[in-house]
Protein backbone atom coordinates (compact mmCIF):
# COMPACT_ATOMS: atom_id res chain seq x y z
CA MET A 1 16.41 -50.14 -10.74
CA PRO A 2 17.28 -47.31 -12.95
CA MET A 3 16.27 -43.85 -12.42
CA LEU A 4 14.01 -41.66 -15.14
CA LYS A 5 15.63 -38.75 -16.32
CA GLY A 6 12.93 -35.80 -15.68
CA VAL A 7 12.44 -32.51 -16.95
CA ILE A 8 13.48 -29.90 -14.71
CA SER A 9 10.95 -26.02 -15.59
CA THR A 10 8.35 -23.61 -14.13
CA LEU A 11 5.34 -25.23 -15.55
CA SER A 12 2.22 -27.00 -14.15
CA PRO A 13 1.91 -30.88 -15.18
CA ASP A 14 -0.57 -29.42 -17.30
CA GLY A 15 1.19 -26.46 -18.81
CA GLN A 16 0.76 -23.37 -16.45
CA GLU A 17 3.69 -20.61 -15.99
CA LEU A 18 3.78 -21.03 -11.98
CA MET A 19 6.05 -17.80 -11.42
CA GLY A 20 3.64 -15.40 -12.08
CA PRO A 21 3.74 -11.80 -11.32
CA ASP A 22 4.14 -11.40 -7.66
CA VAL A 23 7.03 -14.42 -8.04
CA LEU A 24 10.08 -13.71 -7.46
CA LEU A 25 11.84 -16.85 -6.82
CA PHE A 26 10.68 -19.92 -6.85
CA HIS A 27 12.21 -23.40 -5.74
CA PHE A 28 11.55 -26.96 -7.99
CA PRO A 29 9.73 -28.53 -5.12
CA ASP A 30 10.60 -31.96 -7.09
CA ASN A 31 13.39 -33.81 -5.13
CA SER A 32 14.08 -36.38 -8.12
CA ILE A 33 16.88 -33.83 -10.00
CA VAL A 34 19.47 -36.00 -10.77
CA SER A 35 22.07 -35.83 -13.02
CA GLY A 36 20.96 -36.38 -16.47
CA SER A 37 17.94 -34.20 -15.79
CA LEU A 38 17.08 -31.69 -18.15
CA LEU A 39 17.09 -28.25 -17.07
CA THR A 40 14.98 -25.85 -18.81
CA VAL A 41 15.61 -21.83 -18.12
CA ASP A 42 13.11 -19.37 -20.08
CA THR A 43 14.07 -15.83 -21.18
CA ASN A 44 12.67 -13.87 -18.61
CA HIS A 45 14.16 -16.58 -15.74
CA PHE A 46 17.62 -17.47 -14.09
CA CYS A 47 18.27 -20.89 -12.69
CA VAL A 48 20.87 -21.70 -9.46
CA LEU A 49 21.65 -25.06 -8.86
CA LYS A 50 22.27 -26.31 -5.79
CA SER A 51 23.89 -29.77 -4.50
CA ARG A 52 24.73 -30.72 -0.43
CA GLY A 53 23.80 -26.52 -0.12
CA ALA A 54 26.32 -25.76 -2.00
CA ILE A 55 25.70 -23.38 -5.83
CA LEU A 56 27.14 -25.72 -8.37
CA ASN A 57 26.01 -22.93 -11.76
CA VAL A 58 23.21 -20.20 -12.43
CA TYR A 59 21.85 -20.84 -16.07
CA GLU A 60 20.16 -18.41 -18.56
CA THR A 61 18.04 -18.58 -21.04
CA GLY A 62 17.68 -22.15 -22.59
CA GLN A 63 17.98 -26.52 -21.75
CA PHE A 64 20.78 -27.92 -20.21
CA THR A 65 21.50 -31.74 -18.59
CA VAL A 66 22.65 -31.56 -15.01
CA ALA A 67 25.92 -32.94 -15.03
CA THR A 68 27.41 -34.16 -11.56
CA PRO A 69 30.40 -31.66 -11.71
CA ASP A 70 32.93 -33.70 -8.82
CA LYS A 71 34.45 -36.84 -8.71
CA PRO A 72 34.23 -38.06 -12.41
CA ILE A 73 35.71 -41.60 -12.07
CA ILE A 74 33.40 -42.37 -9.25
CA GLY A 75 30.75 -40.50 -10.14
CA SER A 76 30.93 -42.53 -13.77
CA VAL A 77 30.86 -45.90 -12.10
CA ILE A 78 28.10 -45.17 -10.07
CA SER A 79 25.86 -44.32 -12.84
CA ALA A 80 26.88 -46.88 -14.74
CA PHE A 81 25.51 -49.52 -11.89
CA TYR A 82 22.48 -47.30 -11.02
CA GLY A 83 21.73 -45.39 -14.57
CA ALA A 84 22.19 -42.10 -13.08
CA SER A 85 24.08 -39.89 -10.21
CA PRO A 86 22.16 -40.91 -6.67
CA TRP A 87 23.06 -36.96 -5.26
CA GLN A 88 20.60 -35.08 -6.02
CA PHE A 89 20.21 -31.27 -6.40
CA GLU A 90 17.96 -28.80 -6.06
CA ALA A 91 16.92 -25.96 -8.58
CA ILE A 92 16.11 -22.17 -7.73
CA TYR A 93 14.86 -19.57 -10.69
CA ILE A 94 14.16 -16.00 -10.21
CA ASN A 95 11.89 -13.65 -12.16
CA ARG A 96 14.32 -11.75 -14.31
CA ALA A 97 11.13 -9.29 -14.83
CA LYS A 98 10.06 -6.42 -13.45
CA LEU A 99 7.84 -6.67 -10.22
CA VAL A 100 5.99 -4.29 -8.32
CA VAL A 101 5.54 -4.28 -4.85
CA LYS A 102 3.16 -2.36 -3.09
CA THR A 103 3.82 -1.04 0.91
CA ARG A 104 1.67 0.81 2.42
CA GLY A 105 1.51 2.50 6.32
CA THR A 106 0.99 6.00 8.37
CA ALA A 107 2.99 8.60 9.57
CA LEU A 108 2.61 11.38 11.74
CA SER A 109 3.27 14.99 10.64
CA ARG A 110 4.61 17.97 12.81
CA GLU A 111 1.12 19.04 14.61
CA MET A 112 1.49 14.82 15.23
CA ALA A 113 -1.64 14.48 13.16
CA GLU A 114 -1.61 10.95 11.18
CA MET A 115 -1.13 10.42 7.60
CA ALA A 116 -1.99 7.69 5.93
CA TYR A 117 1.28 6.39 2.82
CA ASP A 118 1.01 4.45 -0.50
CA VAL A 119 3.98 3.81 -1.96
CA ASP A 120 4.68 1.00 -5.34
CA TYR A 121 8.19 0.45 -6.39
CA TYR A 122 9.39 -1.87 -9.48
CA ILE A 123 12.32 -4.81 -8.49
CA HIS A 124 14.38 -6.78 -11.10
CA VAL A 125 17.23 -9.47 -10.50
CA ALA A 126 19.80 -7.90 -12.97
CA ASP A 127 22.52 -10.91 -13.95
CA THR A 128 23.36 -14.04 -12.36
CA LYS A 129 25.69 -12.49 -9.85
CA SER A 130 22.65 -10.98 -8.09
CA ALA A 131 20.37 -14.20 -8.49
CA VAL A 132 23.29 -15.39 -6.35
CA LEU A 133 22.61 -13.15 -4.06
CA LEU A 134 19.27 -13.42 -3.78
CA VAL A 135 19.14 -16.72 -3.18
CA GLN A 136 22.18 -16.73 -0.67
CA HIS A 137 20.68 -13.81 1.31
CA MET A 138 16.70 -14.17 1.13
CA PRO A 139 15.74 -17.45 2.93
CA VAL A 140 12.64 -19.52 1.03
CA GLN A 141 9.80 -20.32 3.18
CA GLY A 142 8.22 -23.33 1.51
CA HIS A 143 9.10 -23.01 -1.97
CA ILE A 144 8.73 -19.40 -3.21
CA ILE A 145 9.04 -15.54 -2.70
CA THR A 146 6.90 -13.19 -2.88
CA THR A 147 6.47 -9.53 -3.65
CA LYS A 148 4.41 -9.58 -0.27
CA GLU A 149 7.23 -11.03 1.43
CA VAL A 150 10.22 -8.91 0.03
CA ASP A 151 7.71 -6.06 1.42
CA ASN A 152 8.03 -7.63 5.13
CA TYR A 153 11.70 -7.25 4.38
CA ALA A 154 11.91 -3.39 2.98
CA GLY A 155 8.51 -2.23 4.60
CA PRO A 156 10.30 -1.13 7.60
CA VAL A 157 13.08 1.09 5.41
CA VAL A 158 10.59 2.93 3.46
CA GLU A 159 8.46 3.94 6.45
CA GLN A 160 11.45 5.27 8.19
CA ALA A 161 12.44 7.26 5.29
CA ILE A 162 8.79 9.24 4.78
CA ASN A 163 8.93 10.02 9.01
CA ALA A 164 12.70 11.80 8.46
CA ILE A 165 10.79 14.14 6.21
CA VAL A 166 7.00 14.19 7.52
CA GLN A 167 7.90 14.55 11.49
CA SER A 168 9.54 17.79 10.28
CA THR A 169 6.73 19.11 7.92
CA PRO A 170 3.25 20.64 8.51
CA LEU A 171 0.31 18.73 8.10
CA GLU A 172 -0.84 20.53 4.38
CA LYS A 173 2.92 20.88 2.90
CA VAL A 174 3.33 17.10 3.31
CA ASN A 175 2.47 17.20 -0.24
CA GLU A 176 4.80 20.04 -1.91
CA ARG A 177 7.57 17.88 -0.65
CA ILE A 178 6.24 14.58 -2.43
CA HIS A 179 9.62 15.06 -4.47
CA ASP A 180 12.03 14.67 -1.27
CA LEU A 181 9.67 11.94 -0.36
CA THR A 182 10.06 9.97 -3.70
CA GLN A 183 14.18 10.66 -3.59
CA GLU A 184 14.65 9.79 0.57
CA VAL A 185 12.82 6.10 0.14
CA GLY A 186 14.65 5.57 -3.30
CA VAL A 187 17.98 5.83 -1.92
CA HIS A 188 17.26 3.97 1.18
CA LEU A 189 15.78 1.23 -0.81
CA GLN A 190 18.67 0.69 -3.29
CA GLN A 191 21.14 0.92 -0.93
CA PHE A 192 19.04 -1.96 1.27
CA LEU A 193 18.10 -3.91 -1.92
CA ALA A 194 20.97 -3.99 -3.19
CA GLY A 195 22.30 -6.40 -0.68
CA TYR A 196 19.89 -8.95 -1.67
CA GLY A 197 20.68 -8.92 -5.05
CA ILE A 198 17.89 -6.63 -5.81
CA THR A 199 17.80 -3.48 -8.47
CA LEU A 200 15.37 -0.62 -7.96
CA ASP A 201 13.56 0.90 -11.31
CA THR A 202 11.62 3.13 -10.07
CA VAL A 203 9.39 4.32 -6.64
CA LYS A 204 6.13 6.76 -6.28
CA VAL A 205 5.34 7.53 -3.46
CA LEU A 206 0.97 8.66 -2.67
CA VAL A 207 1.03 11.02 1.36
CA ARG A 208 -2.65 12.23 2.90
CA PRO A 209 -3.88 12.92 6.15
CA SER A 210 -6.09 9.38 7.26
CA ASP A 211 -8.43 11.44 8.65
CA GLU A 212 -11.32 12.33 5.68
CA ARG A 213 -12.60 15.57 7.18
CA MET A 214 -9.06 16.60 7.19
CA ARG A 215 -8.51 16.02 3.67
CA HIS A 216 -11.80 17.89 3.16
CA LEU A 217 -10.60 20.45 4.82
CA ILE A 218 -6.80 21.21 3.48
CA SER A 219 -8.52 20.50 -0.22
CA LEU A 220 -10.46 23.57 0.68
CA LYS A 221 -7.94 25.22 1.52
CA ALA A 222 -5.72 25.11 -1.09
CA PHE A 223 -9.09 27.09 -3.36
CA GLY A 224 -7.53 30.02 -1.29
CA LEU A 225 -10.40 29.85 1.62
CA THR A 226 -9.06 30.67 5.11
CA GLU A 227 -9.81 28.42 8.25
CA LEU A 228 -13.10 29.67 9.46
CA GLU A 229 -13.83 29.58 5.79
CA ALA A 230 -13.27 25.75 4.91
CA VAL A 231 -14.94 24.64 7.90
CA ARG A 232 -17.90 26.87 7.03
CA TYR A 233 -17.50 25.71 2.84
CA TYR A 234 -17.34 21.88 4.54
CA THR A 235 -20.26 21.80 7.53
CA ALA A 236 -22.07 23.33 4.53
CA MET A 237 -21.91 20.35 2.36
CA VAL A 238 -21.98 18.06 4.87
CA MET A 239 -25.57 19.78 5.31
CA ALA A 240 -26.33 19.35 2.16
CA GLU A 241 -25.75 15.77 1.56
CA LYS A 242 -27.96 16.06 4.94
CA GLY A 243 -31.08 17.75 2.59
CA ILE A 244 -30.72 21.02 5.42
CA VAL A 245 -31.85 24.35 3.43
CA SER A 246 -29.58 26.70 5.57
CA ALA A 247 -26.65 24.91 4.50
CA PRO A 248 -25.94 28.17 1.93
CA ASN A 249 -26.11 30.51 4.64
CA MET A 250 -23.27 28.14 6.72
CA ALA A 251 -21.12 28.66 4.09
CA VAL A 252 -21.44 32.25 3.69
CA GLY A 253 -21.66 32.93 7.47
CA GLU A 254 -25.40 34.80 7.58
CA PRO A 255 -28.31 33.58 9.46
CA PHE A 256 -31.06 31.83 8.32
CA HIS A 257 -34.22 33.84 7.44
CA ILE A 258 -37.49 32.41 7.75
CA GLY A 259 -40.68 34.87 6.17
CA GLY A 260 -38.67 37.62 5.69
CA SER A 261 -38.36 37.89 10.02
CA VAL A 262 -34.73 37.48 11.17
CA ASN A 263 -34.83 34.70 14.66
CA VAL A 264 -33.35 36.74 17.75
CA PRO A 265 -31.68 34.20 19.92
CA PHE A 266 -33.27 35.32 23.44
CA ASP A 267 -30.57 35.84 26.03
CA ILE A 268 -32.33 35.49 29.74
CA SER A 269 -28.87 37.08 31.65
CA LYS A 270 -30.20 40.30 29.98
CA ASN A 271 -34.26 39.95 30.48
CA SER A 272 -34.22 38.36 33.40
CA ASN A 273 -38.11 39.59 34.54
CA PRO A 274 -39.00 39.20 30.56
CA PRO A 275 -42.71 40.98 30.08
CA SER A 276 -45.82 39.26 31.27
CA PRO A 277 -48.84 38.76 29.50
CA PRO A 278 -51.43 42.06 29.01
CA PRO A 279 -54.14 41.38 31.78
CA ALA A 280 -57.35 40.18 30.33
CA PRO A 281 -60.59 41.76 30.20
CA PRO A 282 -63.36 42.00 32.94
CA VAL A 283 -65.66 38.91 32.11
CA GLY A 284 -68.69 41.72 32.49
CA SER A 285 -67.87 44.00 29.90
CA LEU A 286 -66.88 40.67 27.59
CA ARG A 287 -70.50 40.00 27.40
CA ASN A 288 -71.67 43.79 26.58
CA LEU A 289 -69.41 43.16 23.55
CA GLY A 290 -71.71 43.31 20.60
CA THR A 291 -74.78 44.18 22.72
CA THR A 292 -77.46 47.21 21.69
CA ASP A 293 -79.49 49.42 24.04
CA ARG A 294 -83.17 48.30 23.38
CA SER A 295 -84.41 51.09 25.70
């Protein structure tokens, strides 16, 4: 029974592109690729053709007919008998467009304060040689490799590069070294990804305290406030959000006045014998209040 010659591409049966912006590698899932199949490669893809575990060729943009590369005499006899070569091939598509990879994590400052970091970096596969390196060194689980899986490989490298600088920097001065952090992450990432045939384009690093209150205090100190003033202003903002009228007094460090008087706290250690209330007047005197002499 002659085998049918198929068309191999990254399009689904309904015409949708299967290699989205988060897919770096796509292994064509059908095992019916045989000699004579038509291989279609889009403008932003590479296609690596494998047979029996060996890489046979790498294709760029265009349409190509899959042909058996070895044993042409035997291959022609078998092809004439079966209508197609029984040897099967694998088509692996590589996305050559720029993809963004996102990684998140935590680091510790010099004071052992927890810092959260966000790193976004853009990658691409530059040429056919790089496509071969990717296929050879990054294993495929299933039929795709996504940017999330790339982060699983590169995430520890980013964490190590960030900790190398953050752990030796005071908490409030970490953001002053963003340029150093970006360079350090970029150098380590490029060296690591090059082994997989991946080129690093740009890196963006953002580091911030994990604790929200610490972020507010550092922001207030950036306005020139002292540590004590920053704490007072932060407390005043929290009090104002809760509708407490004494919030402005907290901000300026002044006591709160009610009705023109100042509430002075009573120190029991200095007044061990508080004054007793005045004695009540005699009962008889209360009866004589308001009476007149009738004689």
